[in-house]
Amino acid sequence: MAIDKSKQTLSHSSMDMVTRLAARRPVGPPPKRGLPWGKYFHYFFCSLSYIFLLSPMIVVIGASLHGGEYYTAIKFPPDEPSLQWYWKIPKGQLEALGLSFGLAGLTALGACIIGIPAALGIVRGKIPGKTLISAVFRAPLQIPAIVTGIAFLQLYYLFGDATGLYFQGTFLGLYIGHLFVATPYVVGTVTAILQRFDTRLEEASFSLGASKLSTFRRVTLPVIMPGVYAGALYAFMVSFGDVPISIFLTAPGFVTYPIELFYGMENDFDPSILASASLVIFFCLLVLLGMQKLVGLDTLLRSGSR
């Protein structure tokens, strides 16, 4: 009986405490946080940012639809919208565009082949001087691109004088220069994921009898793939849009698409440049949307979390 009375006393005291806490709770809607105009300022600032970023592309695409004749400048907004300039894109621009796409694709592939093992060695290797090695891989990002182009040109001349093999003006020489500046992007993105990688996943794979190669292929690689995708995309864009390095390593009849546009704008304005540039803009937007759909920034940030 004494136990029952003590239980009743505890239950009554608990109910009284809950009642007092409920009475202290404020009645009515929760207080608003922040200023009421903060949301509208956020929308306004984002709109200005989008306008600032997209206005150059909108002008180029709109001017490419101009149906009249061009004289010394572009026409925006276009008069008599037409697709006539899209049918007048010269063969040289298409060939340069194909060269740039092929070069950028091979550069992204080579950057992944070099960057993935390099990132694994930097993060997990037990070699001395890892900080210095990491700094060496980041060095191409710190050197001005025009200095890199001049350095490669001089290197190819010295190598050619010593061996008789001159790489300037060749696909291989241009590829090596682009690979030099594109590889750090893959190393950086993969390293960022490996630093947050949960190594217990690999330990579980080893405990189940999987080999190192099978563990890397089935466990490690799928986890770091968002970083590989992001790094490869950066490498592709850097290679495709490069001018300072390509202008030193190309030759007449063997030029990339940005160099072809640069020469076209420098010598004589051709409206077909706007048309081909618009096609490239649409292609790049489709690639970015596809990568966002396939990977997404949320996946990139979540993939390495513990």
Foldseek 3Di string as FASTA:
>chain_A
DVVVVVVVVVVVVVVVVVVVVVVPDDDDDDDDPDDPCPVVVVVVVVVVVCCVVCVVLVQLLCQLQADDDDDADTDPNHDPGHNVLLVVQDPLLVVQAVLLQVLLLVLLVVLLVPQQVLLCCLQPNPDPPSVVSLVVLCVLVVDDLLVLQVVLQVVQVVVCVVPVDHQFAHSVSLSVSLSSNLNSLLNVLLNVLVVLADCVQLVVVVVVPDDPVRCCVPPVCVLSVLSSLRSSLSSSVCSSQDDSNQVNRHDVVGGHNNVVLVVCVVPDPDSSSSVVVSVVVVVVVVVVVVSCVVANPVNSVPSRHD
